[in-house]
């Protein structure tokens, strides 16, 4: 319990000569919910993509549960990522979407059926197996994307601004699911600008700017009483929202 599950050690990454992550060090403990905050372009999404195996660091290591997974392909990592865009297959039913990754892993038919029901229950969409993707609202589609990730039983679930494309009502649907997962002590990392949600639900907040972690600590402490001026300036934009 509460052992380091992900440890980013001195990660650097640049694109076209522009430094995006600069000697970044970040640790996520088991059963914790960590929120990455920061201005656009500060390296939050790149951090998630390196954790997920979608990008390789120029320097540094990605350690999972004590093992070096820096060069392990994304599909071999014991984690899953939910992106801004749902990336659902519109020609498949909801059940077929959720089953997709399990079939690639050669799971049995009975196992897949159990996991489809398990995942749909977690996102409060039981009975939606035979629905088409196009029949769902944006919030429901994002919840199916979460269900598809959960069906694989990842050790860590990552979210890259999962509500950015949704209106406020649909945003609430998705955040309620993530809140429920947090209450179940699912290890999660989320990039979001939902400050009230981060304050009330996350265990830890890490504020990033210029490719480094500027400030980190308990969520309520960092958001309500930031110690660094850069953090205060950023959070001031969200006061009253």
C-alpha atoms as a PDB file:
ATOM      1  CA  UNK A   1       0.000   0.000   0.000  1.00  0.00           C
ATOM      2  CA  UNK A   2       1.134   3.510  -0.853  1.00  0.00           C
ATOM      3  CA  UNK A   3       4.385   2.317  -2.404  1.00  0.00           C
ATOM      4  CA  UNK A   4       5.819   4.222  -5.388  1.00  0.00           C
ATOM      5  CA  UNK A   5       4.193   2.807  -8.496  1.00  0.00           C
ATOM      6  CA  UNK A   6       5.513   5.268 -11.090  1.00  0.00           C
ATOM      7  CA  UNK A   7       8.835   7.043 -10.685  1.00  0.00           C
ATOM      8  CA  UNK A   8       9.999   9.420 -13.408  1.00  0.00           C
ATOM      9  CA  UNK A   9      13.723   9.959 -12.965  1.00  0.00           C
ATOM     10  CA  UNK A  10      15.337  13.030 -14.554  1.00  0.00           C
ATOM     11  CA  UNK A  11      13.147  13.001 -17.670  1.00  0.00           C
ATOM     12  CA  UNK A  12      14.044  15.400 -20.487  1.00  0.00           C
ATOM     13  CA  UNK A  13      12.187  15.709 -23.782  1.00  0.00           C
ATOM     14  CA  UNK A  14      12.371  18.189 -26.627  1.00  0.00           C
ATOM     15  CA  UNK A  15      10.516  18.581 -29.913  1.00  0.00           C
ATOM     16  CA  UNK A  16      12.186  20.332 -32.859  1.00  0.00           C
ATOM     17  CA  UNK A  17      14.820  21.756 -30.536  1.00  0.00           C
ATOM     18  CA  UNK A  18      12.304  23.160 -28.021  1.00  0.00           C
ATOM     19  CA  UNK A  19      12.667  21.748 -24.492  1.00  0.00           C
ATOM     20  CA  UNK A  20       9.298  20.479 -23.218  1.00  0.00           C
ATOM     21  CA  UNK A  21      10.438  18.532 -20.141  1.00  0.00           C
ATOM     22  CA  UNK A  22      13.608  19.596 -18.366  1.00  0.00           C
ATOM     23  CA  UNK A  23      15.068  17.082 -15.877  1.00  0.00           C
ATOM     24  CA  UNK A  24      11.581  16.228 -14.597  1.00  0.00           C
ATOM     25  CA  UNK A  25      11.275  14.053 -11.505  1.00  0.00           C
ATOM     26  CA  UNK A  26       7.827  12.826 -10.458  1.00  0.00           C
ATOM     27  CA  UNK A  27       6.582  10.015  -8.209  1.00  0.00           C
ATOM     28  CA  UNK A  28       3.085   8.545  -8.030  1.00  0.00           C
ATOM     29  CA  UNK A  29       2.260   6.230  -5.138  1.00  0.00           C
ATOM     30  CA  UNK A  30      -0.023   3.232  -5.262  1.00  0.00           C
ATOM     31  CA  UNK A  31      -3.717   3.946  -4.557  1.00  0.00           C
ATOM     32  CA  UNK A  32      -3.228   7.705  -4.952  1.00  0.00           C
ATOM     33  CA  UNK A  33      -4.957  10.166  -7.267  1.00  0.00           C
ATOM     34  CA  UNK A  34      -2.566  12.760  -8.687  1.00  0.00           C
ATOM     35  CA  UNK A  35      -3.585  15.850 -10.667  1.00  0.00           C
ATOM     36  CA  UNK A  36      -1.169  17.618 -13.012  1.00  0.00           C
ATOM     37  CA  UNK A  37      -1.911  21.328 -13.337  1.00  0.00           C
ATOM     38  CA  UNK A  38      -0.210  24.022 -15.373  1.00  0.00           C
ATOM     39  CA  UNK A  39      -0.481  26.341 -18.367  1.00  0.00           C
ATOM     40  CA  UNK A  40      -0.768  25.049 -21.913  1.00  0.00           C
ATOM     41  CA  UNK A  41       2.570  23.864 -23.254  1.00  0.00           C
ATOM     42  CA  UNK A  42       4.082  23.225 -19.820  1.00  0.00           C
ATOM     43  CA  UNK A  43       4.612  19.501 -20.498  1.00  0.00           C
ATOM     44  CA  UNK A  44       1.615  17.880 -18.771  1.00  0.00           C
ATOM     45  CA  UNK A  45       0.416  15.862 -21.759  1.00  0.00           C
ATOM     46  CA  UNK A  46       3.968  14.934 -22.766  1.00  0.00           C
ATOM     47  CA  UNK A  47       4.486  13.627 -19.223  1.00  0.00           C
ATOM     48  CA  UNK A  48       1.398  11.415 -19.541  1.00  0.00           C
ATOM     49  CA  UNK A  49       2.494  10.200 -22.978  1.00  0.00           C
ATOM     50  CA  UNK A  50       5.916   9.225 -21.642  1.00  0.00           C
ATOM     51  CA  UNK A  51       4.315   7.392 -18.717  1.00  0.00           C
ATOM     52  CA  UNK A  52       1.986   5.639 -21.167  1.00  0.00           C
ATOM     53  CA  UNK A  53       4.733   4.690 -23.597  1.00  0.00           C
ATOM     54  CA  UNK A  54       3.471   6.865 -26.466  1.00  0.00           C
ATOM     55  CA  UNK A  55       6.634   8.994 -26.361  1.00  0.00           C
ATOM     56  CA  UNK A  56      10.199   8.138 -25.395  1.00  0.00           C
ATOM     57  CA  UNK A  57      12.268  10.503 -23.249  1.00  0.00           C
ATOM     58  CA  UNK A  58      15.490  11.932 -24.638  1.00  0.00           C
ATOM     59  CA  UNK A  59      17.031  11.330 -21.220  1.00  0.00           C
ATOM     60  CA  UNK A  60      15.931   9.747 -17.965  1.00  0.00           C
ATOM     61  CA  UNK A  61      14.057   6.644 -16.867  1.00  0.00           C
ATOM     62  CA  UNK A  62      10.464   5.552 -16.319  1.00  0.00           C
ATOM     63  CA  UNK A  63      10.302   3.133 -13.388  1.00  0.00           C
ATOM     64  CA  UNK A  64       7.155   1.109 -12.693  1.00  0.00           C
ATOM     65  CA  UNK A  65       6.993  -0.766  -9.389  1.00  0.00           C
ATOM     66  CA  UNK A  66      10.790  -0.897  -9.282  1.00  0.00           C
ATOM     67  CA  UNK A  67      11.214  -2.050 -12.897  1.00  0.00           C
ATOM     68  CA  UNK A  68      12.645   0.059 -15.727  1.00  0.00           C
ATOM     69  CA  UNK A  69       9.928   0.333 -18.417  1.00  0.00           C
ATOM     70  CA  UNK A  70      11.460   3.270 -20.307  1.00  0.00           C
ATOM     71  CA  UNK A  71      11.619   1.333 -23.566  1.00  0.00           C
ATOM     72  CA  UNK A  72       8.595  -0.918 -23.035  1.00  0.00           C
ATOM     73  CA  UNK A  73       5.921  -0.438 -25.750  1.00  0.00           C
ATOM     74  CA  UNK A  74       2.631   1.156 -24.726  1.00  0.00           C
ATOM     75  CA  UNK A  75       0.634  -2.037 -25.238  1.00  0.00           C
ATOM     76  CA  UNK A  76       2.925  -3.920 -22.849  1.00  0.00           C
ATOM     77  CA  UNK A  77       2.602  -1.448 -19.973  1.00  0.00           C
ATOM     78  CA  UNK A  78       0.268  -2.193 -17.029  1.00  0.00           C
ATOM     79  CA  UNK A  79      -1.602   1.079 -17.425  1.00  0.00           C
ATOM     80  CA  UNK A  80      -4.123   2.696 -19.712  1.00  0.00           C
ATOM     81  CA  UNK A  81      -4.843   6.245 -20.878  1.00  0.00           C
ATOM     82  CA  UNK A  82      -8.142   7.997 -21.592  1.00  0.00           C
ATOM     83  CA  UNK A  83      -7.583  10.887 -24.005  1.00  0.00           C
ATOM     84  CA  UNK A  84      -9.542  14.057 -24.781  1.00  0.00           C
ATOM     85  CA  UNK A  85     -11.018  12.412 -27.860  1.00  0.00           C
ATOM     86  CA  UNK A  86     -12.919   9.247 -27.101  1.00  0.00           C
ATOM     87  CA  UNK A  87     -11.323   7.246 -29.968  1.00  0.00           C
ATOM     88  CA  UNK A  88     -14.215   4.801 -30.016  1.00  0.00           C
ATOM     89  CA  UNK A  89     -14.855   2.614 -33.058  1.00  0.00           C
ATOM     90  CA  UNK A  90     -18.123   3.834 -34.571  1.00  0.00           C
ATOM     91  CA  UNK A  91     -18.645   0.627 -36.568  1.00  0.00           C
ATOM     92  CA  UNK A  92     -18.638  -1.441 -33.363  1.00  0.00           C
ATOM     93  CA  UNK A  93     -21.201  -1.812 -30.599  1.00  0.00           C
ATOM     94  CA  UNK A  94     -20.371  -0.630 -27.089  1.00  0.00           C
ATOM     95  CA  UNK A  95     -19.586  -4.209 -26.065  1.00  0.00           C
ATOM     96  CA  UNK A  96     -17.287  -4.672 -29.053  1.00  0.00           C
ATOM     97  CA  UNK A  97     -15.457  -1.438 -28.217  1.00  0.00           C
ATOM     98  CA  UNK A  98     -14.851  -2.548 -24.645  1.00  0.00           C
ATOM     99  CA  UNK A  99     -13.832  -6.040 -25.765  1.00  0.00           C
ATOM    100  CA  UNK A 100     -11.317  -4.813 -28.347  1.00  0.00           C
ATOM    101  CA  UNK A 101      -8.222  -4.726 -26.127  1.00  0.00           C
ATOM    102  CA  UNK A 102      -9.195  -7.939 -24.348  1.00  0.00           C
ATOM    103  CA  UNK A 103      -9.448  -9.810 -27.644  1.00  0.00           C
ATOM    104  CA  UNK A 104      -5.974  -8.601 -28.612  1.00  0.00           C
ATOM    105  CA  UNK A 105      -4.763 -10.116 -25.344  1.00  0.00           C
ATOM    106  CA  UNK A 106      -6.461 -13.419 -26.318  1.00  0.00           C
ATOM    107  CA  UNK A 107      -8.781 -13.493 -23.322  1.00  0.00           C
ATOM    108  CA  UNK A 108     -11.548 -16.092 -23.289  1.00  0.00           C
ATOM    109  CA  UNK A 109     -15.092 -15.244 -24.365  1.00  0.00           C
ATOM    110  CA  UNK A 110     -16.451 -15.738 -20.848  1.00  0.00           C
ATOM    111  CA  UNK A 111     -13.702 -13.560 -19.360  1.00  0.00           C
ATOM    112  CA  UNK A 112     -14.440 -10.803 -21.882  1.00  0.00           C
ATOM    113  CA  UNK A 113     -18.176 -10.908 -21.165  1.00  0.00           C
ATOM    114  CA  UNK A 114     -17.522 -10.655 -17.422  1.00  0.00           C
ATOM    115  CA  UNK A 115     -15.211  -7.663 -17.904  1.00  0.00           C
ATOM    116  CA  UNK A 116     -17.691  -5.878 -20.189  1.00  0.00           C
ATOM    117  CA  UNK A 117     -20.371  -6.101 -17.493  1.00  0.00           C
ATOM    118  CA  UNK A 118     -17.873  -5.146 -14.789  1.00  0.00           C
ATOM    119  CA  UNK A 119     -16.666  -2.070 -16.691  1.00  0.00           C
ATOM    120  CA  UNK A 120     -20.149  -0.854 -17.653  1.00  0.00           C
ATOM    121  CA  UNK A 121     -21.278  -1.129 -14.047  1.00  0.00           C
ATOM    122  CA  UNK A 122     -18.332   1.018 -12.917  1.00  0.00           C
ATOM    123  CA  UNK A 123     -19.328   3.828 -15.301  1.00  0.00           C
ATOM    124  CA  UNK A 124     -23.079   3.488 -14.600  1.00  0.00           C
ATOM    125  CA  UNK A 125     -23.978   2.366 -18.120  1.00  0.00           C
ATOM    126  CA  UNK A 126     -25.228  -1.152 -17.455  1.00  0.00           C
ATOM    127  CA  UNK A 127     -27.330  -2.566 -20.285  1.00  0.00           C
ATOM    128  CA  UNK A 128     -25.635  -0.500 -22.997  1.00  0.00           C
ATOM    129  CA  UNK A 129     -23.790  -3.456 -24.554  1.00  0.00           C
ATOM    130  CA  UNK A 130     -25.669  -3.456 -27.851  1.00  0.00           C
ATOM    131  CA  UNK A 131     -25.958   0.304 -28.314  1.00  0.00           C
ATOM    132  CA  UNK A 132     -24.144   2.048 -31.152  1.00  0.00           C
ATOM    133  CA  UNK A 133     -21.534   4.693 -30.414  1.00  0.00           C
ATOM    134  CA  UNK A 134     -23.478   7.281 -32.423  1.00  0.00           C
ATOM    135  CA  UNK A 135     -26.534   6.844 -30.165  1.00  0.00           C
ATOM    136  CA  UNK A 136     -24.631   8.130 -27.112  1.00  0.00           C
ATOM    137  CA  UNK A 137     -24.038  11.646 -25.822  1.00  0.00           C
ATOM    138  CA  UNK A 138     -20.488  12.960 -25.568  1.00  0.00           C
ATOM    139  CA  UNK A 139     -20.452  12.296 -21.836  1.00  0.00           C
ATOM    140  CA  UNK A 140     -21.629   8.734 -22.358  1.00  0.00           C
ATOM    141  CA  UNK A 141     -19.013   8.179 -25.045  1.00  0.00           C
ATOM    142  CA  UNK A 142     -16.281   9.352 -22.713  1.00  0.00           C
ATOM    143  CA  UNK A 143     -17.611   7.041 -20.003  1.00  0.00           C
ATOM    144  CA  UNK A 144     -17.417   4.155 -22.486  1.00  0.00           C
ATOM    145  CA  UNK A 145     -13.806   5.148 -23.213  1.00  0.00           C
ATOM    146  CA  UNK A 146     -13.185   4.907 -19.462  1.00  0.00           C
ATOM    147  CA  UNK A 147     -14.978   1.537 -19.349  1.00  0.00           C
ATOM    148  CA  UNK A 148     -12.777   0.241 -22.170  1.00  0.00           C
ATOM    149  CA  UNK A 149      -9.694   1.260 -20.204  1.00  0.00           C
ATOM    150  CA  UNK A 150     -11.013  -0.242 -16.954  1.00  0.00           C
ATOM    151  CA  UNK A 151     -11.832  -3.579 -18.612  1.00  0.00           C
ATOM    152  CA  UNK A 152      -8.107  -4.203 -19.009  1.00  0.00           C
ATOM    153  CA  UNK A 153      -7.704  -3.863 -15.225  1.00  0.00           C
ATOM    154  CA  UNK A 154      -4.730  -1.478 -15.439  1.00  0.00           C
ATOM    155  CA  UNK A 155      -2.584  -0.782 -12.404  1.00  0.00           C
ATOM    156  CA  UNK A 156      -2.707   2.928 -13.264  1.00  0.00           C
ATOM    157  CA  UNK A 157      -5.367   4.860 -15.146  1.00  0.00           C
ATOM    158  CA  UNK A 158      -4.305   8.120 -16.819  1.00  0.00           C
ATOM    159  CA  UNK A 159      -6.625  10.882 -18.061  1.00  0.00           C
ATOM    160  CA  UNK A 160      -5.604  13.651 -20.446  1.00  0.00           C
ATOM    161  CA  UNK A 161      -8.195  16.423 -20.027  1.00  0.00           C
ATOM    162  CA  UNK A 162     -11.091  13.946 -20.333  1.00  0.00           C
ATOM    163  CA  UNK A 163     -13.779  16.661 -20.080  1.00  0.00           C
ATOM    164  CA  UNK A 164     -12.272  19.357 -22.314  1.00  0.00           C
ATOM    165  CA  UNK A 165     -14.624  18.605 -25.226  1.00  0.00           C
ATOM    166  CA  UNK A 166     -17.777  18.395 -23.081  1.00  0.00           C
ATOM    167  CA  UNK A 167     -20.343  20.924 -21.950  1.00  0.00           C
ATOM    168  CA  UNK A 168     -20.822  21.450 -18.169  1.00  0.00           C
ATOM    169  CA  UNK A 169     -23.638  18.902 -17.755  1.00  0.00           C
ATOM    170  CA  UNK A 170     -21.737  16.153 -19.562  1.00  0.00           C
ATOM    171  CA  UNK A 171     -18.551  17.122 -17.732  1.00  0.00           C
ATOM    172  CA  UNK A 172     -20.359  16.370 -14.480  1.00  0.00           C
ATOM    173  CA  UNK A 173     -21.226  12.859 -15.723  1.00  0.00           C
ATOM    174  CA  UNK A 174     -17.591  12.021 -16.389  1.00  0.00           C
ATOM    175  CA  UNK A 175     -16.254  13.621 -13.202  1.00  0.00           C
ATOM    176  CA  UNK A 176     -18.725  11.611 -11.108  1.00  0.00           C
ATOM    177  CA  UNK A 177     -17.283   8.409 -12.570  1.00  0.00           C
ATOM    178  CA  UNK A 178     -13.702   9.517 -11.876  1.00  0.00           C
ATOM    179  CA  UNK A 179     -14.687  10.566  -8.334  1.00  0.00           C
ATOM    180  CA  UNK A 180     -16.154   7.098  -7.748  1.00  0.00           C
ATOM    181  CA  UNK A 181     -12.923   5.478  -8.968  1.00  0.00           C
ATOM    182  CA  UNK A 182     -10.934   7.718  -6.624  1.00  0.00           C
ATOM    183  CA  UNK A 183     -13.102   6.595  -3.717  1.00  0.00           C
ATOM    184  CA  UNK A 184     -12.240   3.007  -4.656  1.00  0.00           C
ATOM    185  CA  UNK A 185      -8.536   3.941  -4.411  1.00  0.00           C
ATOM    186  CA  UNK A 186      -7.811   3.374  -8.090  1.00  0.00           C
ATOM    187  CA  UNK A 187      -4.338   4.721  -8.844  1.00  0.00           C
ATOM    188  CA  UNK A 188      -4.896   7.595 -11.278  1.00  0.00           C
ATOM    189  CA  UNK A 189      -3.112  10.524 -12.885  1.00  0.00           C
ATOM    190  CA  UNK A 190      -5.204  13.265 -14.480  1.00  0.00           C
ATOM    191  CA  UNK A 191      -4.469  16.384 -16.472  1.00  0.00           C
ATOM    192  CA  UNK A 192      -7.384  18.751 -15.941  1.00  0.00           C
ATOM    193  CA  UNK A 193      -8.399  22.369 -15.515  1.00  0.00           C
ATOM    194  CA  UNK A 194     -11.327  21.439 -13.260  1.00  0.00           C
ATOM    195  CA  UNK A 195      -9.884  23.132 -10.176  1.00  0.00           C
ATOM    196  CA  UNK A 196     -12.730  22.474  -7.755  1.00  0.00           C
ATOM    197  CA  UNK A 197     -12.695  18.801  -8.702  1.00  0.00           C
ATOM    198  CA  UNK A 198      -8.921  18.566  -8.253  1.00  0.00           C
ATOM    199  CA  UNK A 199      -9.122  20.320  -4.884  1.00  0.00           C
ATOM    200  CA  UNK A 200     -11.899  18.090  -3.551  1.00  0.00           C
ATOM    201  CA  UNK A 201     -10.985  14.698  -5.019  1.00  0.00           C
ATOM    202  CA  UNK A 202      -7.244  14.464  -5.763  1.00  0.00           C
ATOM    203  CA  UNK A 203      -4.767  13.348  -3.122  1.00  0.00           C
ATOM    204  CA  UNK A 204      -1.851  15.246  -4.605  1.00  0.00           C
ATOM    205  CA  UNK A 205      -1.491  18.165  -7.005  1.00  0.00           C
ATOM    206  CA  UNK A 206       1.640  18.821  -9.029  1.00  0.00           C
ATOM    207  CA  UNK A 207       1.839  22.238 -10.651  1.00  0.00           C
ATOM    208  CA  UNK A 208       4.065  22.243 -13.732  1.00  0.00           C
ATOM    209  CA  UNK A 209       5.536  25.128 -15.681  1.00  0.00           C
ATOM    210  CA  UNK A 210       8.430  25.249 -18.100  1.00  0.00           C
ATOM    211  CA  UNK A 211       8.773  21.475 -18.139  1.00  0.00           C
ATOM    212  CA  UNK A 212       9.398  21.087 -14.414  1.00  0.00           C
ATOM    213  CA  UNK A 213       7.321  20.506 -11.275  1.00  0.00           C
ATOM    214  CA  UNK A 214       7.186  23.936  -9.617  1.00  0.00           C
ATOM    215  CA  UNK A 215       5.122  22.911  -6.612  1.00  0.00           C
ATOM    216  CA  UNK A 216       3.508  19.756  -5.281  1.00  0.00           C
ATOM    217  CA  UNK A 217       1.635  18.675  -2.202  1.00  0.00           C
ATOM    218  CA  UNK A 218      -1.828  17.792  -0.850  1.00  0.00           C
ATOM    219  CA  UNK A 219      -4.446  19.021  -3.316  1.00  0.00           C
ATOM    220  CA  UNK A 220      -6.305  21.416  -1.039  1.00  0.00           C
ATOM    221  CA  UNK A 221      -3.072  22.871   0.295  1.00  0.00           C
ATOM    222  CA  UNK A 222      -1.604  23.604  -3.138  1.00  0.00           C
ATOM    223  CA  UNK A 223      -4.818  24.979  -4.640  1.00  0.00           C
ATOM    224  CA  UNK A 224      -5.955  27.059  -1.668  1.00  0.00           C
ATOM    225  CA  UNK A 225      -2.573  28.056  -0.230  1.00  0.00           C
ATOM    226  CA  UNK A 226       0.067  27.831  -2.989  1.00  0.00           C
ATOM    227  CA  UNK A 227       3.607  28.510  -1.814  1.00  0.00           C
ATOM    228  CA  UNK A 228       5.096  29.545  -5.152  1.00  0.00           C
ATOM    229  CA  UNK A 229       4.342  32.794  -6.986  1.00  0.00           C
ATOM    230  CA  UNK A 230       4.109  30.990 -10.340  1.00  0.00           C
ATOM    231  CA  UNK A 231       1.438  28.699  -8.878  1.00  0.00           C
ATOM    232  CA  UNK A 232      -0.468  31.641  -7.383  1.00  0.00           C
ATOM    233  CA  UNK A 233      -0.531  33.503 -10.707  1.00  0.00           C
ATOM    234  CA  UNK A 234      -1.852  30.451 -12.524  1.00  0.00           C
ATOM    235  CA  UNK A 235      -4.574  29.662  -9.969  1.00  0.00           C
ATOM    236  CA  UNK A 236      -5.691  33.305  -9.832  1.00  0.00           C
ATOM    237  CA  UNK A 237      -7.224  32.841 -13.284  1.00  0.00           C
ATOM    238  CA  UNK A 238      -9.633  30.263 -11.895  1.00  0.00           C
ATOM    239  CA  UNK A 239     -10.810  32.068  -8.776  1.00  0.00           C
ATOM    240  CA  UNK A 240     -14.558  32.212  -8.626  1.00  0.00           C
ATOM    241  CA  UNK A 241     -15.012  29.628 -11.381  1.00  0.00           C
END
